[in-house]
Amino acid sequence: MTTPYPHILAPDVIEEFNQRGFVVTPDVLDSAELAHFAAAVDSEVARRTADDSRRVEEKTTYEQSFVQCMRLWETSPEVADLSFHPGLAGIAAQLLKVPSVLMWQDQALYKEAGGRETTPHQDQTFWPLDDAPLVSAWIPFDPVHPANGAVAYVPGSHRAGRLRVVDITHSTDPYDILEDPALAGRAPQPVSVNPGSVVWHHGMTVHCASANSTADTRRAFTVVYLSATARRAKGWPAFPLDRAGVEVGERVAGEGMPCLWPPLQQRPRPPTTIGGATGPQGFD
């Protein structure tokens, strides 16, 4: 028996995602959920960054783009309620047109006041995965607009497939992916969005985010969903795959990467090995 989706997407929403590589789904989370989840993520981010008193300008170029805390569900049961949210997982399955999705990762991305822009990039090229479909849910806790760090997406760029990897850590000079001939000069389109709505983008969609010129932190949380058919394609280091013992050619599975659709019957225990409190953790 097929499990009904908590949020059923209209065909035109799925088609917009197919064509543009991103789409907004309004009113996914209600005000009570938002208040609860925002407080939970705020608390965990504060705990993980309690010993960091640096000003934005004292941080590395990468850290100036956002405060990054990954896999919060593994250290906060309250955040896990959001990471495992069946409504979100059901939307991911519909957008990817697959019967089952697992969680690749969750993370908080808090762009501080004065934070710099996020360098244009594709997500899926960072990870040693095959081309099984992947989608990210970008969940704002504040009204988001170009002045405080709205994400901008290059329409249709996911259809270009894998482009050159961009070093968004700036440990090397990052590739200017917007100049890639495959994009044919198309520019990123910023998406302003209010809390309660969720922005979804394909793993190959080129995107970036504006700087935060306001006096307040722009708070966002993301969950990355991967088709349960995905396999490890490369052997380079990848924390979640290495932790779970997934070898090249094997299907992605194991602790830390639970299957979220169909909905969990029992919440998994957090892994015994936990990654770093902040940062990209070996660039996943």
Foldseek 3Di string as FASTA:
>chain_A
DADDAPDDDDPVQLVQCVFFQKGKDFQLDDPVLLVQLVVQVVVLLCVLCVPPPDDLVVDALLVLQWWKFKQVVLVGVSNVCVLLPRNVQSVFCVSLVAQWKKWPIKMKTKNAAQRAKQAKFFQVVLAQKDPFKKKKKKAWSAFDDQQAKFKWWQTRQVVLPDDDGFPRSPPDHGDNCCPPVSSVNGDTGGDTDGGSMIMMGIRRIIMMIHHHNDNGMTIIMMIMMGHQAMARADDDDDVQCVLQVGDHPGGDDGAPIGISPVHDPDDDRHDPDDARRTDCRSVD
